[in-house]
Amino acid sequence: MKEPLGVIGAGWVGLVTAACFADLGHEVVVRDVVPERIAELDAGRVPIFEPGLSELLAANRERIRYTLDIADVFDAARIVFVSVPTPPTHSGDADLSAVWRVLDELPELEQRAIVVMKSTVPVGTGEKVRHELDARGLAHVGYVSNPEFLAESTALRDFTSPDRIVVGAFDDADGDAVVALYESIDAPVVRADVSSAEMVKLASNAFLATKISFINEIANVCEETGADVSLVAEGMASTAASARSFSGPASATPARACRRT
């Protein structure tokens, strides 16, 4: 029998994570703090749109349970993914209030558990969480950074056929446990320390934004010169031996072609 899992946060990333792991054979308990959202999910209605997600959740309905109680999650699973919102503040910093709320609500845990961060967080967040867990007498709760690299409209495919799986852990055994969850997925695994795993996510986002800005500028030049931006992007991809890096965002409206969160 496969490892039961928990997911905290029934948003886009959380539901994709829950649906895909359930489809791999895991029992999954999903928790959210919004009663209306849990009620919708219990009724079989998915409050967000992602192609194929509603169908995948329905197909695995027997393996997925929804709850408002975080204790239900940790009663059922020893590995729990955190996928709560971390939106930017007016100053540009990430709002980590939802992350800290999860820590505040952690039940008393006698057995070892592993908190796996899927949310996008600043570098150093894991160190702060580790310090907070230790200060609360929760040294037996492990922490792993496992950032997501999902694009809207292709999230299910991105989860099941990723370019890479990044796992950063303070304890190698915790990292091993998370890596084992992906054993049926054919993708390279990047093992790292927690801060490096956090940086991989932020650097990847920045790199993608740079590529989109660049190809948008090339598209502007193409419009002025009569060149075909799609052919230019294809040629650049061949030169760089990276078709996904360059040709992915290229289109008549390159900036809207792909967004990772």
Protein backbone atom coordinates (compact mmCIF):
# COMPACT_ATOMS: atom_id res chain seq x y z
CA MET A 1 0.00 0.00 0.00
CA LYS A 2 1.33 3.44 -0.92
CA GLU A 3 2.15 6.16 1.61
CA PRO A 4 -0.91 8.22 2.61
CA LEU A 5 -0.34 11.92 2.05
CA GLY A 6 -1.69 15.22 3.28
CA VAL A 7 -2.07 18.48 1.37
CA ILE A 8 -2.66 21.80 3.13
CA GLY A 9 -4.19 24.32 0.75
CA ALA A 10 -6.90 23.45 -1.78
CA GLY A 11 -5.85 26.01 -4.35
CA TRP A 12 -4.45 25.40 -7.81
CA VAL A 13 -1.14 23.84 -6.74
CA GLY A 14 -2.69 21.93 -3.85
CA LEU A 15 -5.45 20.33 -5.91
CA VAL A 16 -3.10 19.43 -8.76
CA THR A 17 -0.73 17.85 -6.23
CA ALA A 18 -3.56 15.96 -4.54
CA ALA A 19 -5.09 14.74 -7.79
CA CYS A 20 -1.82 13.56 -9.27
CA PHE A 21 -0.64 11.73 -6.15
CA ALA A 22 -4.08 10.13 -5.78
CA ASP A 23 -3.82 9.00 -9.39
CA LEU A 24 -0.49 7.39 -8.49
CA GLY A 25 -2.31 5.34 -5.86
CA HIS A 26 -1.95 7.40 -2.67
CA GLU A 27 -4.73 8.13 -0.20
CA VAL A 28 -4.78 11.93 0.15
CA VAL A 29 -6.37 14.22 2.73
CA VAL A 30 -6.74 17.84 1.60
CA ARG A 31 -7.28 20.66 4.08
CA ASP A 32 -8.36 24.23 3.43
CA VAL A 33 -9.49 27.05 5.72
CA VAL A 34 -12.38 28.19 3.50
CA PRO A 35 -15.55 26.25 4.39
CA GLU A 36 -17.25 27.08 1.09
CA ARG A 37 -14.33 25.64 -0.86
CA ILE A 38 -14.38 22.39 1.11
CA ALA A 39 -18.15 22.15 0.64
CA GLU A 40 -17.76 22.61 -3.12
CA LEU A 41 -15.08 19.93 -3.33
CA ASP A 42 -17.11 17.51 -1.21
CA ALA A 43 -19.97 18.03 -3.65
CA GLY A 44 -17.68 17.21 -6.58
CA ARG A 45 -17.40 20.77 -7.83
CA VAL A 46 -13.87 22.08 -8.44
CA PRO A 47 -13.60 25.82 -7.67
CA ILE A 48 -10.68 26.43 -10.03
CA PHE A 49 -10.12 25.67 -13.69
CA GLU A 50 -7.26 23.57 -14.97
CA PRO A 51 -7.74 21.34 -18.03
CA GLY A 52 -8.31 17.75 -16.91
CA LEU A 53 -8.26 18.50 -13.18
CA SER A 54 -11.98 18.02 -12.51
CA GLU A 55 -11.91 14.71 -14.35
CA LEU A 56 -8.81 13.49 -12.49
CA LEU A 57 -10.26 14.44 -9.10
CA ALA A 58 -13.51 12.67 -9.98
CA ALA A 59 -11.69 9.56 -11.17
CA ASN A 60 -9.83 9.36 -7.85
CA ARG A 61 -12.68 10.47 -5.60
CA GLU A 62 -12.40 7.33 -3.44
CA ARG A 63 -8.78 8.19 -2.60
CA ILE A 64 -9.26 11.89 -1.76
CA ARG A 65 -10.89 13.34 1.34
CA TYR A 66 -11.41 17.02 2.17
CA THR A 67 -11.38 18.62 5.61
CA LEU A 68 -11.24 21.91 7.50
CA ASP A 69 -9.32 20.36 10.40
CA ILE A 70 -5.53 20.25 10.14
CA ALA A 71 -5.46 17.50 12.79
CA ASP A 72 -7.30 15.24 10.32
CA VAL A 73 -4.40 15.63 7.92
CA PHE A 74 -1.68 14.68 10.38
CA ASP A 75 -3.79 11.85 11.82
CA ALA A 76 -3.93 10.33 8.35
CA ALA A 77 -0.49 11.10 6.93
CA ARG A 78 3.10 11.52 8.05
CA ILE A 79 4.12 13.39 4.88
CA VAL A 80 2.19 16.63 4.39
CA PHE A 81 2.57 19.05 1.49
CA VAL A 82 2.04 22.75 2.18
CA SER A 83 0.63 24.63 -0.81
CA VAL A 84 -0.78 27.80 0.72
CA PRO A 85 -0.77 31.22 -0.99
CA THR A 86 2.34 33.41 -0.60
CA PRO A 87 1.32 36.53 -2.57
CA PRO A 88 3.59 39.56 -2.91
CA THR A 89 3.03 42.46 -0.53
CA HIS A 90 3.09 46.14 -1.56
CA SER A 91 6.81 46.15 -0.80
CA GLY A 92 7.38 43.17 -3.07
CA ASP A 93 8.13 40.73 -0.26
CA ALA A 94 6.23 37.45 -0.04
CA ASP A 95 3.35 37.36 2.41
CA LEU A 96 4.12 34.28 4.50
CA SER A 97 1.23 34.69 6.91
CA ALA A 98 -0.46 31.52 5.61
CA VAL A 99 2.76 29.56 6.13
CA TRP A 100 3.09 30.76 9.73
CA ARG A 101 -0.57 30.01 10.29
CA VAL A 102 0.07 26.39 9.34
CA LEU A 103 2.86 26.22 11.93
CA ASP A 104 0.65 27.84 14.56
CA GLU A 105 -2.06 25.27 13.92
CA LEU A 106 0.15 22.18 13.97
CA PRO A 107 -1.35 19.63 16.34
CA GLU A 108 0.69 17.86 18.99
CA LEU A 109 2.62 15.25 17.08
CA GLU A 110 4.11 12.31 18.92
CA GLN A 111 5.34 10.47 15.84
CA ARG A 112 7.72 11.81 13.22
CA ALA A 113 6.12 13.80 10.42
CA ILE A 114 7.52 15.63 7.42
CA VAL A 115 6.30 19.05 6.28
CA VAL A 116 6.99 19.48 2.57
CA MET A 117 6.91 23.03 1.24
CA LYS A 118 5.36 23.36 -2.22
CA SER A 119 4.56 27.07 -1.87
CA THR A 120 6.97 29.57 -3.38
CA VAL A 121 8.88 31.12 -0.49
CA PRO A 122 11.93 33.40 -0.13
CA VAL A 123 15.34 31.84 0.37
CA GLY A 124 15.86 31.33 4.08
CA THR A 125 12.24 30.49 4.86
CA GLY A 126 13.10 26.87 5.52
CA GLU A 127 15.77 27.86 8.02
CA LYS A 128 13.25 30.04 9.85
CA VAL A 129 10.66 27.27 9.86
CA ARG A 130 13.24 24.79 11.14
CA HIS A 131 14.18 27.16 13.95
CA GLU A 132 10.51 27.69 14.84
CA LEU A 133 9.78 23.96 14.88
CA ASP A 134 12.77 23.32 17.14
CA ALA A 135 11.76 26.17 19.47
CA ARG A 136 8.31 24.62 19.84
CA GLY A 137 9.68 21.22 20.78
CA LEU A 138 8.94 19.80 17.32
CA ALA A 139 12.43 18.67 16.40
CA HIS A 140 10.85 15.36 15.32
CA VAL A 141 8.95 17.19 12.55
CA GLY A 142 11.06 17.19 9.42
CA TYR A 143 11.09 19.91 6.78
CA VAL A 144 11.65 19.46 3.05
CA SER A 145 11.57 21.98 0.21
CA ASN A 146 9.96 20.49 -2.91
CA PRO A 147 9.08 23.45 -5.16
CA GLU A 148 6.55 23.10 -7.94
CA PHE A 149 7.22 23.92 -11.59
CA LEU A 150 3.70 23.93 -13.00
CA ALA A 151 2.37 26.02 -15.85
CA GLU A 152 -1.27 26.96 -16.20
CA SER A 153 -3.16 24.76 -18.70
CA THR A 154 -0.43 22.08 -18.62
CA ALA A 155 -0.16 21.53 -14.86
CA LEU A 156 -1.14 17.85 -14.87
CA ARG A 157 1.38 17.04 -17.57
CA ASP A 158 4.03 19.15 -15.83
CA PHE A 159 3.50 17.17 -12.61
CA THR A 160 3.61 13.72 -14.21
CA SER A 161 6.30 14.50 -16.82
CA PRO A 162 8.48 17.19 -15.23
CA ASP A 163 11.84 18.50 -16.43
CA ARG A 164 13.20 17.83 -12.94
CA ILE A 165 12.17 17.13 -9.38
CA VAL A 166 13.90 19.32 -6.80
CA VAL A 167 14.16 18.11 -3.21
CA GLY A 168 16.00 20.02 -0.49
CA ALA A 169 16.11 18.63 3.02
CA PHE A 170 17.81 19.19 6.36
CA ASP A 171 17.78 15.44 6.98
CA ASP A 172 18.73 13.04 4.19
CA ALA A 173 16.16 10.48 5.35
CA ASP A 174 13.38 13.06 4.98
CA GLY A 175 14.60 13.86 1.50
CA ASP A 176 14.70 10.16 0.65
CA ALA A 177 11.08 9.78 1.79
CA VAL A 178 9.92 12.58 -0.51
CA VAL A 179 11.98 11.36 -3.46
CA ALA A 180 10.40 7.91 -3.04
CA LEU A 181 6.97 9.42 -3.68
CA TYR A 182 8.08 10.25 -7.23
CA GLU A 183 9.64 6.86 -8.00
CA SER A 184 7.11 6.09 -10.73
CA ILE A 185 7.78 9.41 -12.48
CA ASP A 186 10.60 9.38 -15.02
CA ALA A 187 12.49 12.60 -14.34
CA PRO A 188 15.90 13.64 -13.02
CA VAL A 189 15.96 14.35 -9.28
CA VAL A 190 17.99 17.30 -8.01
CA ARG A 191 18.97 16.81 -4.36
CA ALA A 192 20.04 19.94 -2.51
CA ASP A 193 20.10 21.73 0.79
CA VAL A 194 16.90 23.59 1.64
CA SER A 195 18.15 27.08 0.78
CA SER A 196 19.46 25.93 -2.60
CA ALA A 197 16.13 24.25 -3.41
CA GLU A 198 14.32 27.50 -2.56
CA MET A 199 16.75 29.41 -4.77
CA VAL A 200 16.21 27.01 -7.67
CA LYS A 201 12.53 27.94 -7.71
CA LEU A 202 13.11 31.70 -7.51
CA ALA A 203 15.94 31.61 -10.07
CA SER A 204 13.79 29.52 -12.43
CA ASN A 205 10.96 32.06 -12.18
CA ALA A 206 13.38 34.90 -12.85
CA PHE A 207 14.94 33.08 -15.78
CA LEU A 208 11.54 32.39 -17.32
CA ALA A 209 10.56 36.05 -16.96
CA THR A 210 13.83 37.05 -18.63
CA LYS A 211 13.22 34.67 -21.55
CA ILE A 212 9.67 35.95 -22.02
CA SER A 213 10.83 39.57 -21.94
CA PHE A 214 13.59 38.75 -24.42
CA ILE A 215 11.36 36.94 -26.92
CA ASN A 216 8.79 39.74 -26.63
CA GLU A 217 11.47 42.23 -27.67
CA ILE A 218 12.47 39.95 -30.53
CA ALA A 219 8.80 39.78 -31.55
CA ASN A 220 8.69 43.58 -31.67
CA VAL A 221 11.75 43.64 -33.93
CA CYS A 222 10.19 40.94 -36.11
CA GLU A 223 7.09 43.05 -36.59
CA GLU A 224 9.22 45.98 -37.72
CA THR A 225 11.34 43.91 -40.09
CA GLY A 226 8.80 41.42 -41.42
CA ALA A 227 10.51 38.44 -39.85
CA ASP A 228 8.48 35.51 -38.49
CA VAL A 229 8.95 35.32 -34.70
CA SER A 230 7.90 31.65 -34.62
CA LEU A 231 10.63 30.71 -37.10
CA VAL A 232 13.12 32.88 -35.26
CA ALA A 233 12.27 31.20 -31.95
CA GLU A 234 12.55 27.78 -33.57
CA GLY A 235 15.95 28.66 -34.97
CA MET A 236 17.11 29.98 -31.61
CA ALA A 237 15.95 26.77 -29.93
CA SER A 238 17.96 24.69 -32.39
CA THR A 239 21.04 26.81 -31.81
CA ALA A 240 20.70 26.63 -28.06
CA ALA A 241 19.73 22.92 -28.06
CA SER A 242 16.83 23.91 -25.84
CA ALA A 243 13.54 23.91 -27.72
CA ARG A 244 11.51 24.11 -24.54
CA SER A 245 13.48 27.09 -23.26
CA PHE A 246 12.94 29.26 -26.31
CA SER A 247 10.07 27.94 -28.40
CA GLY A 248 7.69 27.49 -25.45
CA PRO A 249 6.94 31.20 -24.93
CA ALA A 250 7.10 32.13 -28.60
CA SER A 251 3.78 33.01 -30.16
CA ALA A 252 1.92 35.99 -31.55
CA THR A 253 1.55 37.06 -27.90
CA PRO A 254 4.64 35.54 -26.24
CA ALA A 255 4.09 37.06 -22.79
CA ARG A 256 0.84 35.15 -22.31
CA ALA A 257 2.09 31.83 -23.59
CA CYS A 258 3.35 30.46 -20.29
CA ARG A 259 3.28 31.42 -16.62
CA ARG A 260 4.76 29.52 -13.73
CA THR A 261 3.80 30.24 -10.16
